[in-house]
Amino acid sequence: PEDVRIQLRGRAGLRILERPPSLEDVFLRLTGREMEK
């Protein structure tokens, strides 16, 4: 993940949100699902 952050830092208009994972994040990772918008 750190190398991805470094690559994305140079992109204009892109903000990176960094936060601790929640239980929802853990569930989505375990089930292989993506968040619906």
PDB file of N, CA and C in Angstrom:
ATOM      1  N   PRO A   1       0.803  -1.221   0.000  1.00  0.00           N
ATOM      2  CA  PRO A   1       0.000   0.000   0.000  1.00  0.00           C
ATOM      3  C   PRO A   1       0.840   1.278   0.000  1.00  0.00           C
ATOM      4  N   GLU A   2       2.001   1.247   0.622  1.00  0.00           N
ATOM      5  CA  GLU A   2       2.811   2.469   0.677  1.00  0.00           C
ATOM      6  C   GLU A   2       3.286   2.878  -0.704  1.00  0.00           C
ATOM      7  N   ASP A   3       3.705   1.919  -1.530  1.00  0.00           N
ATOM      8  CA  ASP A   3       4.158   2.272  -2.876  1.00  0.00           C
ATOM      9  C   ASP A   3       3.012   2.782  -3.739  1.00  0.00           C
ATOM     10  N   VAL A   4       1.805   2.296  -3.491  1.00  0.00           N
ATOM     11  CA  VAL A   4       0.633   2.814  -4.212  1.00  0.00           C
ATOM     12  C   VAL A   4       0.390   4.263  -3.821  1.00  0.00           C
ATOM     13  N   ARG A   5       0.497   4.566  -2.536  1.00  0.00           N
ATOM     14  CA  ARG A   5       0.326   5.953  -2.077  1.00  0.00           C
ATOM     15  C   ARG A   5       1.341   6.874  -2.737  1.00  0.00           C
ATOM     16  N   ILE A   6       2.575   6.408  -2.835  1.00  0.00           N
ATOM     17  CA  ILE A   6       3.631   7.222  -3.447  1.00  0.00           C
ATOM     18  C   ILE A   6       3.304   7.495  -4.912  1.00  0.00           C
ATOM     19  N   GLN A   7       2.821   6.487  -5.631  1.00  0.00           N
ATOM     20  CA  GLN A   7       2.471   6.663  -7.044  1.00  0.00           C
ATOM     21  C   GLN A   7       1.299   7.622  -7.213  1.00  0.00           C
ATOM     22  N   LEU A   8       0.328   7.555  -6.309  1.00  0.00           N
ATOM     23  CA  LEU A   8      -0.874   8.380  -6.451  1.00  0.00           C
ATOM     24  C   LEU A   8      -0.673   9.813  -5.976  1.00  0.00           C
ATOM     25  N   ARG A   9       0.344  10.049  -5.167  1.00  0.00           N
ATOM     26  CA  ARG A   9       0.573  11.383  -4.617  1.00  0.00           C
ATOM     27  C   ARG A   9       0.780  12.438  -5.698  1.00  0.00           C
ATOM     28  N   GLY A  10       1.381  12.066  -6.817  1.00  0.00           N
ATOM     29  CA  GLY A  10       1.682  13.025  -7.868  1.00  0.00           C
ATOM     30  C   GLY A  10       0.496  13.400  -8.736  1.00  0.00           C
ATOM     31  N   ARG A  11      -0.635  12.737  -8.591  1.00  0.00           N
ATOM     32  CA  ARG A  11      -1.785  13.009  -9.447  1.00  0.00           C
ATOM     33  C   ARG A  11      -2.534  14.246  -8.980  1.00  0.00           C
ATOM     34  N   ALA A  12      -2.802  15.126  -9.910  1.00  0.00           N
ATOM     35  CA  ALA A  12      -3.523  16.361  -9.584  1.00  0.00           C
ATOM     36  C   ALA A  12      -5.000  16.048  -9.354  1.00  0.00           C
ATOM     37  N   GLY A  13      -5.577  16.697  -8.375  1.00  0.00           N
ATOM     38  CA  GLY A  13      -7.006  16.541  -8.112  1.00  0.00           C
ATOM     39  C   GLY A  13      -7.382  15.253  -7.405  1.00  0.00           C
ATOM     40  N   LEU A  14      -6.404  14.518  -6.926  1.00  0.00           N
ATOM     41  CA  LEU A  14      -6.699  13.261  -6.241  1.00  0.00           C
ATOM     42  C   LEU A  14      -6.367  13.403  -4.767  1.00  0.00           C
ATOM     43  N   ARG A  15      -7.352  13.108  -3.931  1.00  0.00           N
ATOM     44  CA  ARG A  15      -7.117  13.141  -2.487  1.00  0.00           C
ATOM     45  C   ARG A  15      -7.155  11.716  -1.965  1.00  0.00           C
ATOM     46  N   ILE A  16      -6.269  11.407  -1.059  1.00  0.00           N
ATOM     47  CA  ILE A  16      -6.225  10.073  -0.461  1.00  0.00           C
ATOM     48  C   ILE A  16      -6.765  10.174   0.961  1.00  0.00           C
ATOM     49  N   LEU A  17      -7.785   9.373   1.234  1.00  0.00           N
ATOM     50  CA  LEU A  17      -8.379   9.344   2.566  1.00  0.00           C
ATOM     51  C   LEU A  17      -7.776   8.166   3.322  1.00  0.00           C
ATOM     52  N   GLU A  18      -7.100   8.467   4.395  1.00  0.00           N
ATOM     53  CA  GLU A  18      -6.513   7.410   5.212  1.00  0.00           C
ATOM     54  C   GLU A  18      -7.224   7.397   6.556  1.00  0.00           C
ATOM     55  N   ARG A  19      -7.751   6.237   6.909  1.00  0.00           N
ATOM     56  CA  ARG A  19      -8.465   6.089   8.173  1.00  0.00           C
ATOM     57  C   ARG A  19      -8.295   4.656   8.653  1.00  0.00           C
ATOM     58  N   PRO A  20      -8.482   4.436   9.937  1.00  0.00           N
ATOM     59  CA  PRO A  20      -8.391   3.061  10.433  1.00  0.00           C
ATOM     60  C   PRO A  20      -9.542   2.223   9.869  1.00  0.00           C
ATOM     61  N   PRO A  21      -9.326   0.946   9.627  1.00  0.00           N
ATOM     62  CA  PRO A  21     -10.391   0.102   9.084  1.00  0.00           C
ATOM     63  C   PRO A  21     -11.520  -0.089  10.090  1.00  0.00           C
ATOM     64  N   SER A  22     -12.728  -0.198   9.566  1.00  0.00           N
ATOM     65  CA  SER A  22     -13.895  -0.448  10.414  1.00  0.00           C
ATOM     66  C   SER A  22     -14.312  -1.912  10.257  1.00  0.00           C
ATOM     67  N   LEU A  23     -15.293  -2.319  11.027  1.00  0.00           N
ATOM     68  CA  LEU A  23     -15.796  -3.690  10.904  1.00  0.00           C
ATOM     69  C   LEU A  23     -16.377  -3.928   9.517  1.00  0.00           C
ATOM     70  N   GLU A  24     -16.960  -2.889   8.920  1.00  0.00           N
ATOM     71  CA  GLU A  24     -17.494  -3.026   7.564  1.00  0.00           C
ATOM     72  C   GLU A  24     -16.367  -3.338   6.577  1.00  0.00           C
ATOM     73  N   ASP A  25     -15.223  -2.666   6.727  1.00  0.00           N
ATOM     74  CA  ASP A  25     -14.076  -2.937   5.858  1.00  0.00           C
ATOM     75  C   ASP A  25     -13.615  -4.390   6.001  1.00  0.00           C
ATOM     76  N   VAL A  26     -13.580  -4.869   7.233  1.00  0.00           N
ATOM     77  CA  VAL A  26     -13.159  -6.250   7.488  1.00  0.00           C
ATOM     78  C   VAL A  26     -14.138  -7.220   6.834  1.00  0.00           C
ATOM     79  N   PHE A  27     -15.435  -6.970   6.982  1.00  0.00           N
ATOM     80  CA  PHE A  27     -16.456  -7.831   6.380  1.00  0.00           C
ATOM     81  C   PHE A  27     -16.320  -7.856   4.862  1.00  0.00           C
ATOM     82  N   LEU A  28     -16.159  -6.672   4.259  1.00  0.00           N
ATOM     83  CA  LEU A  28     -16.052  -6.601   2.800  1.00  0.00           C
ATOM     84  C   LEU A  28     -14.814  -7.335   2.308  1.00  0.00           C
ATOM     85  N   ARG A  29     -13.727  -7.238   3.039  1.00  0.00           N
ATOM     86  CA  ARG A  29     -12.501  -7.940   2.633  1.00  0.00           C
ATOM     87  C   ARG A  29     -12.695  -9.451   2.753  1.00  0.00           C
ATOM     88  N   LEU A  30     -13.324  -9.896   3.839  1.00  0.00           N
ATOM     89  CA  LEU A  30     -13.507 -11.331   4.046  1.00  0.00           C
ATOM     90  C   LEU A  30     -14.469 -11.938   3.037  1.00  0.00           C
ATOM     91  N   THR A  31     -15.487 -11.182   2.626  1.00  0.00           N
ATOM     92  CA  THR A  31     -16.487 -11.711   1.702  1.00  0.00           C
ATOM     93  C   THR A  31     -16.128 -11.441   0.247  1.00  0.00           C
ATOM     94  N   GLY A  32     -15.145 -10.588   0.007  1.00  0.00           N
ATOM     95  CA  GLY A  32     -14.748 -10.283  -1.359  1.00  0.00           C
ATOM     96  C   GLY A  32     -15.694  -9.332  -2.063  1.00  0.00           C
ATOM     97  N   ARG A  33     -16.562  -8.683  -1.320  1.00  0.00           N
ATOM     98  CA  ARG A  33     -17.521  -7.753  -1.920  1.00  0.00           C
ATOM     99  C   ARG A  33     -16.943  -6.355  -1.956  1.00  0.00           C
ATOM    100  N   GLU A  34     -17.477  -5.550  -2.865  1.00  0.00           N
ATOM    101  CA  GLU A  34     -17.082  -4.151  -2.933  1.00  0.00           C
ATOM    102  C   GLU A  34     -18.232  -3.300  -2.424  1.00  0.00           C
ATOM    103  N   MET A  35     -17.886  -2.128  -1.903  1.00  0.00           N
ATOM    104  CA  MET A  35     -18.917  -1.238  -1.383  1.00  0.00           C
ATOM    105  C   MET A  35     -19.766  -0.699  -2.520  1.00  0.00           C
ATOM    106  N   GLU A  36     -21.084  -0.665  -2.294  1.00  0.00           N
ATOM    107  CA  GLU A  36     -21.989  -0.076  -3.279  1.00  0.00           C
ATOM    108  C   GLU A  36     -22.180   1.381  -2.939  1.00  0.00           C
ATOM    109  N   LYS A  37     -22.259   2.194  -3.970  1.00  0.00           N
ATOM    110  CA  LYS A  37     -22.417   3.630  -3.738  1.00  0.00           C
ATOM    111  C   LYS A  37     -23.866   4.018  -3.782  1.00  0.00           C
TER     112      LYS A  37
END
